[in-house]
Amino acid sequence: MANVVTRHKRKKTRMKIHGSDLAFDIINYTLLVLSFIITLYPILFVLSASISDPDAVSSGKMFLFPINPSLEGYKYVFMQKDIWVGYANTIFYTVLGTLINLAVTVPCAYALSRKNLAGRKYIMLLFIFTMYFNGGLIPSYLNANSLHLVDTRTIMLISGAVSVFNLIVARTFFENTIPEQLNEAAEIDGCGDFKTFTKIILPLSKPILVVLMLYYGVGHWNSYFNAMIYLKDHAKFPLQLILREILILSSFSSDIMTDSMSPEAMAALLEQQDTANMLKYSVIVVSTLPMMIIYPRLQKYFAKGVMIGSVKG
């Protein structure tokens, strides 16, 4: 027994001093530390900038830690009506839009995962075709305009209702985790297709539902391009579009200042620029905070659902 233990210790020692393993560990840990720093620094910078003196931030004096910290930026955020209107619009688009995405994507992916669906390969090819070729921006706008969807909240909800990438991930999940025998057993017990899907399949698909909810939800939360193209009414703007206007305003004010301007006009522009600089980092924090809170709670489902759904394309 003692000899066995001794050989085991020698084997462990040889493994520890193996050159290639040691080099791999050093490179791996170095890359992980660098990735951690690269990821963490922008977050810390935005947090510090949101409570720092805006002049110190705009002049580059603040590198990591806040200078003259105060909560004035957050006070301005709570005072700005447009920001809260944008916040409410973003929550509306995210919640209802994600529900529409799930209601369309999940049944479609489940149907395409069943081998008894006639022509499912050709239907899948049509979906994949749209990943590489689409109508383009101008035809899409003209199509939405002909349907009287421009400047409506509906276009923000149904535009991009199905992501083909998410559809493939969900279809692969159903193919790998839901056996055909389960459908046959449900059919023998008297379940139709709709009852089988709602009573049996969906309760077993929680990981992929959470993954799709996170993918679509983050997409809606960060979306501003569709709003910029299709919306004209300021009361319907999402938060990201309001944030974009604030970021543009902070740089635009300094660009238009000239020597020929009156002192009053320059003072007004400087005040406008300071307010925008103070607001933009605070709004970034406020706008990203919900996703930073939600993601850790969904991470356990996220890892499982993505791994199962990405085994095959």
C-alpha atoms as a PDB file:
ATOM      1  CA  MET A   1       0.000   0.000   0.000  1.00  0.00           C
ATOM      2  CA  ALA A   2       2.860   2.331   0.872  1.00  0.00           C
ATOM      3  CA  ASN A   3       4.470   1.703  -2.517  1.00  0.00           C
ATOM      4  CA  VAL A   4       1.236   2.573  -4.284  1.00  0.00           C
ATOM      5  CA  VAL A   5       0.996   5.876  -2.396  1.00  0.00           C
ATOM      6  CA  THR A   6       4.617   6.683  -3.169  1.00  0.00           C
ATOM      7  CA  ARG A   7       4.165   6.016  -6.895  1.00  0.00           C
ATOM      8  CA  HIS A   8       1.044   8.173  -6.853  1.00  0.00           C
ATOM      9  CA  LYS A   9       2.923  11.062  -5.245  1.00  0.00           C
ATOM     10  CA  ARG A  10       5.781  10.744  -7.782  1.00  0.00           C
ATOM     11  CA  LYS A  11       3.256  10.763 -10.616  1.00  0.00           C
ATOM     12  CA  LYS A  12       1.605  13.900  -9.230  1.00  0.00           C
ATOM     13  CA  THR A  13       5.000  15.573  -8.877  1.00  0.00           C
ATOM     14  CA  ARG A  14       5.915  14.776 -12.504  1.00  0.00           C
ATOM     15  CA  MET A  15       2.583  16.225 -13.620  1.00  0.00           C
ATOM     16  CA  LYS A  16       3.168  19.419 -11.649  1.00  0.00           C
ATOM     17  CA  ILE A  17       6.598  20.067 -13.124  1.00  0.00           C
ATOM     18  CA  HIS A  18       5.648  19.216 -16.708  1.00  0.00           C
ATOM     19  CA  GLY A  19       6.892  22.149 -18.766  1.00  0.00           C
ATOM     20  CA  SER A  20       4.084  22.363 -21.302  1.00  0.00           C
ATOM     21  CA  ASP A  21       1.403  22.210 -18.593  1.00  0.00           C
ATOM     22  CA  LEU A  22       3.143  24.948 -16.624  1.00  0.00           C
ATOM     23  CA  ALA A  23       3.446  27.159 -19.714  1.00  0.00           C
ATOM     24  CA  PHE A  24      -0.203  26.555 -20.555  1.00  0.00           C
ATOM     25  CA  ASP A  25      -1.271  27.505 -17.024  1.00  0.00           C
ATOM     26  CA  ILE A  26       0.822  30.686 -17.080  1.00  0.00           C
ATOM     27  CA  ILE A  27      -0.550  31.771 -20.475  1.00  0.00           C
ATOM     28  CA  ASN A  28      -4.079  30.823 -19.492  1.00  0.00           C
ATOM     29  CA  TYR A  29      -4.014  32.751 -16.221  1.00  0.00           C
ATOM     30  CA  THR A  30      -2.340  35.730 -17.884  1.00  0.00           C
ATOM     31  CA  LEU A  31      -5.025  35.904 -20.563  1.00  0.00           C
ATOM     32  CA  LEU A  32      -7.765  35.510 -17.960  1.00  0.00           C
ATOM     33  CA  VAL A  33      -6.342  38.344 -15.848  1.00  0.00           C
ATOM     34  CA  LEU A  34      -5.983  40.585 -18.918  1.00  0.00           C
ATOM     35  CA  SER A  35      -9.541  39.779 -20.006  1.00  0.00           C
ATOM     36  CA  PHE A  36     -10.785  40.518 -16.501  1.00  0.00           C
ATOM     37  CA  ILE A  37      -9.018  43.901 -16.449  1.00  0.00           C
ATOM     38  CA  ILE A  38     -10.195  44.821 -19.963  1.00  0.00           C
ATOM     39  CA  THR A  39     -13.774  43.938 -19.014  1.00  0.00           C
ATOM     40  CA  LEU A  40     -13.758  45.518 -15.593  1.00  0.00           C
ATOM     41  CA  TYR A  41     -12.043  48.832 -16.415  1.00  0.00           C
ATOM     42  CA  PRO A  42     -14.825  50.351 -18.600  1.00  0.00           C
ATOM     43  CA  ILE A  43     -17.407  49.459 -15.953  1.00  0.00           C
ATOM     44  CA  LEU A  44     -15.381  51.083 -13.160  1.00  0.00           C
ATOM     45  CA  PHE A  45     -14.619  54.107 -15.348  1.00  0.00           C
ATOM     46  CA  VAL A  46     -18.302  54.712 -16.138  1.00  0.00           C
ATOM     47  CA  LEU A  47     -19.271  54.267 -12.471  1.00  0.00           C
ATOM     48  CA  SER A  48     -16.561  56.717 -11.349  1.00  0.00           C
ATOM     49  CA  ALA A  49     -17.339  59.189 -14.147  1.00  0.00           C
ATOM     50  CA  SER A  50     -21.024  59.188 -13.211  1.00  0.00           C
ATOM     51  CA  ILE A  51     -20.193  60.673  -9.777  1.00  0.00           C
ATOM     52  CA  SER A  52     -17.157  62.784 -10.755  1.00  0.00           C
ATOM     53  CA  ASP A  53     -16.766  66.425 -11.730  1.00  0.00           C
ATOM     54  CA  PRO A  54     -17.734  66.539 -15.473  1.00  0.00           C
ATOM     55  CA  ASP A  55     -14.879  68.993 -16.213  1.00  0.00           C
ATOM     56  CA  ALA A  56     -12.347  66.531 -14.791  1.00  0.00           C
ATOM     57  CA  VAL A  57     -13.819  63.709 -16.897  1.00  0.00           C
ATOM     58  CA  SER A  58     -13.980  65.695 -20.152  1.00  0.00           C
ATOM     59  CA  SER A  59     -10.407  67.030 -19.669  1.00  0.00           C
ATOM     60  CA  GLY A  60      -9.056  63.502 -19.102  1.00  0.00           C
ATOM     61  CA  LYS A  61      -7.922  64.098 -15.508  1.00  0.00           C
ATOM     62  CA  MET A  62     -10.027  61.211 -14.197  1.00  0.00           C
ATOM     63  CA  PHE A  63      -8.501  57.814 -14.973  1.00  0.00           C
ATOM     64  CA  LEU A  64     -10.156  55.399 -12.561  1.00  0.00           C
ATOM     65  CA  PHE A  65     -11.130  56.903  -9.222  1.00  0.00           C
ATOM     66  CA  PRO A  66     -13.763  59.688  -8.986  1.00  0.00           C
ATOM     67  CA  ILE A  67     -12.683  63.331  -8.607  1.00  0.00           C
ATOM     68  CA  ASN A  68     -14.855  65.623  -6.471  1.00  0.00           C
ATOM     69  CA  PRO A  69     -17.576  62.963  -6.188  1.00  0.00           C
ATOM     70  CA  SER A  70     -21.198  64.047  -6.058  1.00  0.00           C
ATOM     71  CA  LEU A  71     -24.612  62.691  -7.030  1.00  0.00           C
ATOM     72  CA  GLU A  72     -25.606  65.711  -9.139  1.00  0.00           C
ATOM     73  CA  GLY A  73     -25.695  63.601 -12.304  1.00  0.00           C
ATOM     74  CA  TYR A  74     -28.191  61.183 -10.800  1.00  0.00           C
ATOM     75  CA  LYS A  75     -30.284  64.113  -9.511  1.00  0.00           C
ATOM     76  CA  TYR A  76     -30.467  65.441 -13.089  1.00  0.00           C
ATOM     77  CA  VAL A  77     -31.492  61.976 -14.303  1.00  0.00           C
ATOM     78  CA  PHE A  78     -34.421  61.891 -11.899  1.00  0.00           C
ATOM     79  CA  MET A  79     -35.394  65.426 -12.970  1.00  0.00           C
ATOM     80  CA  GLN A  80     -35.364  64.713 -16.725  1.00  0.00           C
ATOM     81  CA  LYS A  81     -38.843  63.789 -17.956  1.00  0.00           C
ATOM     82  CA  ASP A  82     -37.555  62.575 -21.352  1.00  0.00           C
ATOM     83  CA  ILE A  83     -35.314  59.987 -19.690  1.00  0.00           C
ATOM     84  CA  TRP A  84     -38.171  58.450 -17.732  1.00  0.00           C
ATOM     85  CA  VAL A  85     -40.435  58.461 -20.777  1.00  0.00           C
ATOM     86  CA  GLY A  86     -37.655  56.667 -22.660  1.00  0.00           C
ATOM     87  CA  TYR A  87     -37.227  54.257 -19.753  1.00  0.00           C
ATOM     88  CA  ALA A  88     -40.928  53.397 -19.751  1.00  0.00           C
ATOM     89  CA  ASN A  89     -40.913  52.949 -23.540  1.00  0.00           C
ATOM     90  CA  THR A  90     -37.864  50.652 -23.356  1.00  0.00           C
ATOM     91  CA  ILE A  91     -39.484  48.481 -20.682  1.00  0.00           C
ATOM     92  CA  PHE A  92     -42.649  48.279 -22.796  1.00  0.00           C
ATOM     93  CA  TYR A  93     -40.736  47.343 -25.964  1.00  0.00           C
ATOM     94  CA  THR A  94     -38.546  44.846 -24.095  1.00  0.00           C
ATOM     95  CA  VAL A  95     -41.284  42.996 -22.206  1.00  0.00           C
ATOM     96  CA  LEU A  96     -43.945  42.846 -24.930  1.00  0.00           C
ATOM     97  CA  GLY A  97     -41.430  42.468 -27.766  1.00  0.00           C
ATOM     98  CA  THR A  98     -39.703  39.541 -26.039  1.00  0.00           C
ATOM     99  CA  LEU A  99     -43.046  37.806 -25.445  1.00  0.00           C
ATOM    100  CA  ILE A 100     -43.858  38.175 -29.153  1.00  0.00           C
ATOM    101  CA  ASN A 101     -40.414  36.822 -30.072  1.00  0.00           C
ATOM    102  CA  LEU A 102     -40.894  33.771 -27.850  1.00  0.00           C
ATOM    103  CA  ALA A 103     -44.467  33.201 -29.055  1.00  0.00           C
ATOM    104  CA  VAL A 104     -43.224  33.060 -32.658  1.00  0.00           C
ATOM    105  CA  THR A 105     -39.801  31.442 -32.316  1.00  0.00           C
ATOM    106  CA  VAL A 106     -40.465  28.579 -29.869  1.00  0.00           C
ATOM    107  CA  PRO A 107     -43.424  26.891 -31.673  1.00  0.00           C
ATOM    108  CA  CYS A 108     -41.660  27.336 -35.014  1.00  0.00           C
ATOM    109  CA  ALA A 109     -38.425  25.793 -33.682  1.00  0.00           C
ATOM    110  CA  TYR A 110     -40.318  22.887 -32.110  1.00  0.00           C
ATOM    111  CA  ALA A 111     -42.199  22.173 -35.341  1.00  0.00           C
ATOM    112  CA  LEU A 112     -38.950  22.236 -37.341  1.00  0.00           C
ATOM    113  CA  SER A 113     -37.362  19.808 -34.873  1.00  0.00           C
ATOM    114  CA  ARG A 114     -40.014  17.116 -35.541  1.00  0.00           C
ATOM    115  CA  LYS A 115     -39.011  14.626 -38.208  1.00  0.00           C
ATOM    116  CA  ASN A 116     -42.619  14.058 -39.291  1.00  0.00           C
ATOM    117  CA  LEU A 117     -43.011  17.672 -40.484  1.00  0.00           C
ATOM    118  CA  ALA A 118     -43.337  17.576 -44.271  1.00  0.00           C
ATOM    119  CA  GLY A 119     -40.754  19.698 -46.098  1.00  0.00           C
ATOM    120  CA  ARG A 120     -38.982  20.822 -42.937  1.00  0.00           C
ATOM    121  CA  LYS A 121     -35.576  20.850 -44.673  1.00  0.00           C
ATOM    122  CA  TYR A 122     -36.850  23.211 -47.379  1.00  0.00           C
ATOM    123  CA  ILE A 123     -38.528  25.457 -44.806  1.00  0.00           C
ATOM    124  CA  MET A 124     -35.273  25.583 -42.860  1.00  0.00           C
ATOM    125  CA  LEU A 125     -33.366  26.482 -46.030  1.00  0.00           C
ATOM    126  CA  LEU A 126     -35.721  29.424 -46.561  1.00  0.00           C
ATOM    127  CA  PHE A 127     -34.982  30.665 -43.037  1.00  0.00           C
ATOM    128  CA  ILE A 128     -31.228  30.269 -43.536  1.00  0.00           C
ATOM    129  CA  PHE A 129     -31.456  32.098 -46.877  1.00  0.00           C
ATOM    130  CA  THR A 130     -32.671  35.207 -45.027  1.00  0.00           C
ATOM    131  CA  MET A 131     -29.529  35.166 -42.874  1.00  0.00           C
ATOM    132  CA  TYR A 132     -27.421  35.975 -45.940  1.00  0.00           C
ATOM    133  CA  PHE A 133     -29.831  37.929 -48.145  1.00  0.00           C
ATOM    134  CA  ASN A 134     -32.520  40.425 -47.154  1.00  0.00           C
ATOM    135  CA  GLY A 135     -34.500  43.183 -48.768  1.00  0.00           C
ATOM    136  CA  GLY A 136     -32.365  46.021 -47.417  1.00  0.00           C
ATOM    137  CA  LEU A 137     -33.196  49.139 -45.455  1.00  0.00           C
ATOM    138  CA  ILE A 138     -35.100  51.149 -48.077  1.00  0.00           C
ATOM    139  CA  PRO A 139     -37.454  48.301 -49.174  1.00  0.00           C
ATOM    140  CA  SER A 140     -38.056  47.476 -45.500  1.00  0.00           C
ATOM    141  CA  TYR A 141     -38.964  51.098 -44.761  1.00  0.00           C
ATOM    142  CA  LEU A 142     -41.250  51.318 -47.823  1.00  0.00           C
ATOM    143  CA  ASN A 143     -42.917  48.066 -46.808  1.00  0.00           C
ATOM    144  CA  ALA A 144     -43.511  49.335 -43.253  1.00  0.00           C
ATOM    145  CA  ASN A 145     -44.785  52.642 -44.627  1.00  0.00           C
ATOM    146  CA  SER A 146     -47.251  50.907 -46.966  1.00  0.00           C
ATOM    147  CA  LEU A 147     -48.578  48.957 -43.967  1.00  0.00           C
ATOM    148  CA  HIS A 148     -48.962  52.238 -41.991  1.00  0.00           C
ATOM    149  CA  LEU A 149     -46.504  51.032 -39.341  1.00  0.00           C
ATOM    150  CA  VAL A 150     -44.077  53.979 -39.486  1.00  0.00           C
ATOM    151  CA  ASP A 151     -44.085  56.056 -36.288  1.00  0.00           C
ATOM    152  CA  THR A 152     -46.071  53.415 -34.397  1.00  0.00           C
ATOM    153  CA  ARG A 153     -45.086  51.293 -31.419  1.00  0.00           C
ATOM    154  CA  THR A 154     -46.120  48.176 -33.360  1.00  0.00           C
ATOM    155  CA  ILE A 155     -43.123  48.386 -35.693  1.00  0.00           C
ATOM    156  CA  MET A 156     -40.805  48.295 -32.651  1.00  0.00           C
ATOM    157  CA  LEU A 157     -42.492  45.103 -31.428  1.00  0.00           C
ATOM    158  CA  ILE A 158     -42.829  43.028 -34.593  1.00  0.00           C
ATOM    159  CA  SER A 159     -39.731  44.144 -36.496  1.00  0.00           C
ATOM    160  CA  GLY A 160     -37.343  41.198 -36.342  1.00  0.00           C
ATOM    161  CA  ALA A 161     -39.869  38.983 -34.553  1.00  0.00           C
ATOM    162  CA  VAL A 162     -37.808  35.911 -35.458  1.00  0.00           C
ATOM    163  CA  SER A 163     -34.036  35.696 -35.276  1.00  0.00           C
ATOM    164  CA  VAL A 164     -32.879  32.780 -37.446  1.00  0.00           C
ATOM    165  CA  PHE A 165     -29.845  32.255 -35.203  1.00  0.00           C
ATOM    166  CA  ASN A 166     -32.095  31.879 -32.142  1.00  0.00           C
ATOM    167  CA  LEU A 167     -34.437  29.659 -34.148  1.00  0.00           C
ATOM    168  CA  ILE A 168     -31.561  27.273 -34.967  1.00  0.00           C
ATOM    169  CA  VAL A 169     -30.421  27.185 -31.328  1.00  0.00           C
ATOM    170  CA  ALA A 170     -33.954  26.392 -30.129  1.00  0.00           C
ATOM    171  CA  ARG A 171     -34.537  23.786 -32.838  1.00  0.00           C
ATOM    172  CA  THR A 172     -31.285  22.034 -31.889  1.00  0.00           C
ATOM    173  CA  PHE A 173     -32.302  22.056 -28.226  1.00  0.00           C
ATOM    174  CA  PHE A 174     -35.612  20.336 -29.026  1.00  0.00           C
ATOM    175  CA  GLU A 175     -33.912  17.793 -31.308  1.00  0.00           C
ATOM    176  CA  ASN A 176     -31.352  16.834 -28.647  1.00  0.00           C
ATOM    177  CA  THR A 177     -33.500  16.857 -25.508  1.00  0.00           C
ATOM    178  CA  ILE A 178     -37.070  15.932 -26.522  1.00  0.00           C
ATOM    179  CA  PRO A 179     -37.234  12.304 -27.725  1.00  0.00           C
ATOM    180  CA  GLU A 180     -39.749  11.210 -30.349  1.00  0.00           C
ATOM    181  CA  GLN A 181     -41.004   8.536 -27.933  1.00  0.00           C
ATOM    182  CA  LEU A 182     -42.301  11.273 -25.632  1.00  0.00           C
ATOM    183  CA  ASN A 183     -44.577  12.597 -28.376  1.00  0.00           C
ATOM    184  CA  GLU A 184     -45.752   9.084 -29.173  1.00  0.00           C
ATOM    185  CA  ALA A 185     -46.575   8.423 -25.504  1.00  0.00           C
ATOM    186  CA  ALA A 186     -48.503  11.710 -25.288  1.00  0.00           C
ATOM    187  CA  GLU A 187     -50.418  10.842 -28.465  1.00  0.00           C
ATOM    188  CA  ILE A 188     -51.340   7.424 -27.057  1.00  0.00           C
ATOM    189  CA  ASP A 189     -52.623   9.156 -23.908  1.00  0.00           C
ATOM    190  CA  GLY A 190     -54.917  11.290 -26.042  1.00  0.00           C
ATOM    191  CA  CYS A 191     -52.946  14.544 -26.299  1.00  0.00           C
ATOM    192  CA  GLY A 192     -53.151  16.556 -29.483  1.00  0.00           C
ATOM    193  CA  ASP A 193     -50.237  18.580 -30.877  1.00  0.00           C
ATOM    194  CA  PHE A 194     -51.212  21.783 -29.059  1.00  0.00           C
ATOM    195  CA  LYS A 195     -51.743  20.061 -25.705  1.00  0.00           C
ATOM    196  CA  THR A 196     -48.492  18.103 -26.072  1.00  0.00           C
ATOM    197  CA  PHE A 197     -46.594  21.297 -26.789  1.00  0.00           C
ATOM    198  CA  THR A 198     -48.098  23.377 -23.965  1.00  0.00           C
ATOM    199  CA  LYS A 199     -48.428  20.705 -21.248  1.00  0.00           C
ATOM    200  CA  ILE A 200     -45.343  18.548 -21.874  1.00  0.00           C
ATOM    201  CA  ILE A 201     -42.776  20.245 -24.100  1.00  0.00           C
ATOM    202  CA  LEU A 202     -42.742  23.766 -22.644  1.00  0.00           C
ATOM    203  CA  PRO A 203     -42.288  22.668 -18.987  1.00  0.00           C
ATOM    204  CA  LEU A 204     -39.244  20.638 -20.096  1.00  0.00           C
ATOM    205  CA  SER A 205     -37.764  23.549 -22.067  1.00  0.00           C
ATOM    206  CA  LYS A 206     -37.042  26.059 -19.312  1.00  0.00           C
ATOM    207  CA  PRO A 207     -33.279  26.421 -20.128  1.00  0.00           C
ATOM    208  CA  ILE A 208     -33.807  27.308 -23.790  1.00  0.00           C
ATOM    209  CA  LEU A 209     -36.733  29.614 -22.938  1.00  0.00           C
ATOM    210  CA  VAL A 210     -34.483  31.540 -20.546  1.00  0.00           C
ATOM    211  CA  VAL A 211     -31.704  31.724 -23.157  1.00  0.00           C
ATOM    212  CA  LEU A 212     -34.071  33.046 -25.822  1.00  0.00           C
ATOM    213  CA  MET A 213     -35.633  35.467 -23.349  1.00  0.00           C
ATOM    214  CA  LEU A 214     -32.190  36.828 -22.491  1.00  0.00           C
ATOM    215  CA  TYR A 215     -31.069  37.078 -26.139  1.00  0.00           C
ATOM    216  CA  TYR A 216     -34.220  38.839 -27.289  1.00  0.00           C
ATOM    217  CA  GLY A 217     -34.570  40.932 -24.115  1.00  0.00           C
ATOM    218  CA  VAL A 218     -31.030  42.334 -24.317  1.00  0.00           C
ATOM    219  CA  GLY A 219     -31.549  42.994 -28.023  1.00  0.00           C
ATOM    220  CA  HIS A 220     -34.698  45.037 -27.356  1.00  0.00           C
ATOM    221  CA  TRP A 221     -33.124  46.828 -24.398  1.00  0.00           C
ATOM    222  CA  ASN A 222     -30.078  47.988 -26.406  1.00  0.00           C
ATOM    223  CA  SER A 223     -31.908  48.629 -29.673  1.00  0.00           C
ATOM    224  CA  TYR A 224     -31.992  52.153 -31.074  1.00  0.00           C
ATOM    225  CA  PHE A 225     -31.467  51.771 -34.846  1.00  0.00           C
ATOM    226  CA  ASN A 226     -35.043  50.733 -35.663  1.00  0.00           C
ATOM    227  CA  ALA A 227     -36.358  53.563 -33.487  1.00  0.00           C
ATOM    228  CA  MET A 228     -34.079  56.033 -35.262  1.00  0.00           C
ATOM    229  CA  ILE A 229     -35.374  54.881 -38.665  1.00  0.00           C
ATOM    230  CA  TYR A 230     -39.072  54.328 -38.013  1.00  0.00           C
ATOM    231  CA  LEU A 231     -40.047  56.660 -35.130  1.00  0.00           C
ATOM    232  CA  LYS A 232     -40.623  60.414 -35.374  1.00  0.00           C
ATOM    233  CA  ASP A 233     -42.681  61.070 -32.243  1.00  0.00           C
ATOM    234  CA  HIS A 234     -40.323  61.886 -29.359  1.00  0.00           C
ATOM    235  CA  ALA A 235     -42.796  60.416 -26.851  1.00  0.00           C
ATOM    236  CA  LYS A 236     -42.240  56.949 -28.387  1.00  0.00           C
ATOM    237  CA  PHE A 237     -38.425  57.020 -28.283  1.00  0.00           C
ATOM    238  CA  PRO A 238     -36.703  54.230 -26.292  1.00  0.00           C
ATOM    239  CA  LEU A 239     -34.103  55.057 -23.662  1.00  0.00           C
ATOM    240  CA  GLN A 240     -31.150  54.228 -25.920  1.00  0.00           C
ATOM    241  CA  LEU A 241     -32.250  56.860 -28.444  1.00  0.00           C
ATOM    242  CA  ILE A 242     -32.574  59.453 -25.656  1.00  0.00           C
ATOM    243  CA  LEU A 243     -29.092  58.472 -24.473  1.00  0.00           C
ATOM    244  CA  ARG A 244     -27.769  58.839 -28.016  1.00  0.00           C
ATOM    245  CA  GLU A 245     -29.166  62.379 -28.212  1.00  0.00           C
ATOM    246  CA  ILE A 246     -27.463  63.264 -24.922  1.00  0.00           C
ATOM    247  CA  LEU A 247     -24.123  61.877 -26.143  1.00  0.00           C
ATOM    248  CA  ILE A 248     -24.419  63.806 -29.417  1.00  0.00           C
ATOM    249  CA  LEU A 249     -25.386  66.982 -27.549  1.00  0.00           C
ATOM    250  CA  SER A 250     -22.279  66.818 -25.339  1.00  0.00           C
ATOM    251  CA  SER A 251     -19.964  66.826 -28.372  1.00  0.00           C
ATOM    252  CA  PHE A 252     -22.118  69.048 -30.583  1.00  0.00           C
ATOM    253  CA  SER A 253     -22.078  71.978 -28.130  1.00  0.00           C
ATOM    254  CA  SER A 254     -18.286  72.254 -28.192  1.00  0.00           C
ATOM    255  CA  ASP A 255     -18.143  71.866 -31.985  1.00  0.00           C
ATOM    256  CA  ILE A 256     -20.432  74.811 -32.763  1.00  0.00           C
ATOM    257  CA  MET A 257     -18.752  77.308 -30.400  1.00  0.00           C
ATOM    258  CA  THR A 258     -16.907  80.056 -32.327  1.00  0.00           C
ATOM    259  CA  ASP A 259     -15.127  83.295 -31.419  1.00  0.00           C
ATOM    260  CA  SER A 260     -17.893  85.368 -33.021  1.00  0.00           C
ATOM    261  CA  MET A 261     -20.495  84.112 -30.548  1.00  0.00           C
ATOM    262  CA  SER A 262     -21.718  86.366 -27.775  1.00  0.00           C
ATOM    263  CA  PRO A 263     -20.592  85.604 -24.188  1.00  0.00           C
ATOM    264  CA  GLU A 264     -24.184  84.797 -23.225  1.00  0.00           C
ATOM    265  CA  ALA A 265     -24.534  82.264 -26.048  1.00  0.00           C
ATOM    266  CA  MET A 266     -21.185  80.641 -25.214  1.00  0.00           C
ATOM    267  CA  ALA A 267     -22.132  80.448 -21.510  1.00  0.00           C
ATOM    268  CA  ALA A 268     -25.431  78.805 -22.429  1.00  0.00           C
ATOM    269  CA  LEU A 269     -23.673  76.266 -24.646  1.00  0.00           C
ATOM    270  CA  LEU A 270     -21.068  75.519 -21.972  1.00  0.00           C
ATOM    271  CA  GLU A 271     -23.803  75.008 -19.409  1.00  0.00           C
ATOM    272  CA  GLN A 272     -25.614  72.735 -21.864  1.00  0.00           C
ATOM    273  CA  GLN A 273     -22.419  70.767 -22.476  1.00  0.00           C
ATOM    274  CA  ASP A 274     -21.682  70.396 -18.744  1.00  0.00           C
ATOM    275  CA  THR A 275     -25.205  69.136 -18.138  1.00  0.00           C
ATOM    276  CA  ALA A 276     -24.913  66.649 -20.995  1.00  0.00           C
ATOM    277  CA  ASN A 277     -21.505  65.445 -19.744  1.00  0.00           C
ATOM    278  CA  MET A 278     -22.924  65.041 -16.254  1.00  0.00           C
ATOM    279  CA  LEU A 279     -25.959  63.178 -17.526  1.00  0.00           C
ATOM    280  CA  LYS A 280     -24.448  60.759 -20.019  1.00  0.00           C
ATOM    281  CA  TYR A 281     -22.484  58.561 -17.598  1.00  0.00           C
ATOM    282  CA  SER A 282     -25.317  58.550 -15.066  1.00  0.00           C
ATOM    283  CA  VAL A 283     -27.782  57.525 -17.774  1.00  0.00           C
ATOM    284  CA  ILE A 284     -25.430  54.746 -18.936  1.00  0.00           C
ATOM    285  CA  VAL A 285     -25.370  53.360 -15.390  1.00  0.00           C
ATOM    286  CA  VAL A 286     -29.141  53.654 -14.974  1.00  0.00           C
ATOM    287  CA  SER A 287     -29.837  52.083 -18.382  1.00  0.00           C
ATOM    288  CA  THR A 288     -27.525  49.076 -17.895  1.00  0.00           C
ATOM    289  CA  LEU A 289     -28.373  48.402 -14.254  1.00  0.00           C
ATOM    290  CA  PRO A 290     -31.467  46.205 -14.901  1.00  0.00           C
ATOM    291  CA  MET A 291     -29.539  43.837 -17.197  1.00  0.00           C
ATOM    292  CA  MET A 292     -26.638  43.644 -14.721  1.00  0.00           C
ATOM    293  CA  ILE A 293     -29.116  42.628 -12.003  1.00  0.00           C
ATOM    294  CA  ILE A 294     -31.064  40.123 -14.116  1.00  0.00           C
ATOM    295  CA  TYR A 295     -28.164  38.298 -15.776  1.00  0.00           C
ATOM    296  CA  PRO A 296     -26.611  36.631 -12.660  1.00  0.00           C
ATOM    297  CA  ARG A 297     -30.043  35.247 -11.728  1.00  0.00           C
ATOM    298  CA  LEU A 298     -30.428  33.625 -15.168  1.00  0.00           C
ATOM    299  CA  GLN A 299     -26.835  32.474 -15.629  1.00  0.00           C
ATOM    300  CA  LYS A 300     -27.416  28.867 -14.489  1.00  0.00           C
ATOM    301  CA  TYR A 301     -30.156  28.402 -17.118  1.00  0.00           C
ATOM    302  CA  PHE A 302     -28.182  30.382 -19.685  1.00  0.00           C
ATOM    303  CA  ALA A 303     -25.078  28.128 -19.626  1.00  0.00           C
ATOM    304  CA  LYS A 304     -27.127  24.918 -19.773  1.00  0.00           C
ATOM    305  CA  GLY A 305     -29.449  26.081 -22.544  1.00  0.00           C
ATOM    306  CA  VAL A 306     -26.698  27.460 -24.763  1.00  0.00           C
ATOM    307  CA  MET A 307     -24.496  24.361 -24.427  1.00  0.00           C
ATOM    308  CA  ILE A 308     -27.316  21.966 -25.302  1.00  0.00           C
ATOM    309  CA  GLY A 309     -28.605  24.162 -28.098  1.00  0.00           C
ATOM    310  CA  SER A 310     -25.219  24.710 -29.741  1.00  0.00           C
ATOM    311  CA  VAL A 311     -24.140  21.084 -30.102  1.00  0.00           C
ATOM    312  CA  LYS A 312     -25.385  21.013 -33.706  1.00  0.00           C
ATOM    313  CA  GLY A 313     -26.093  23.769 -36.224  1.00  0.00           C
END
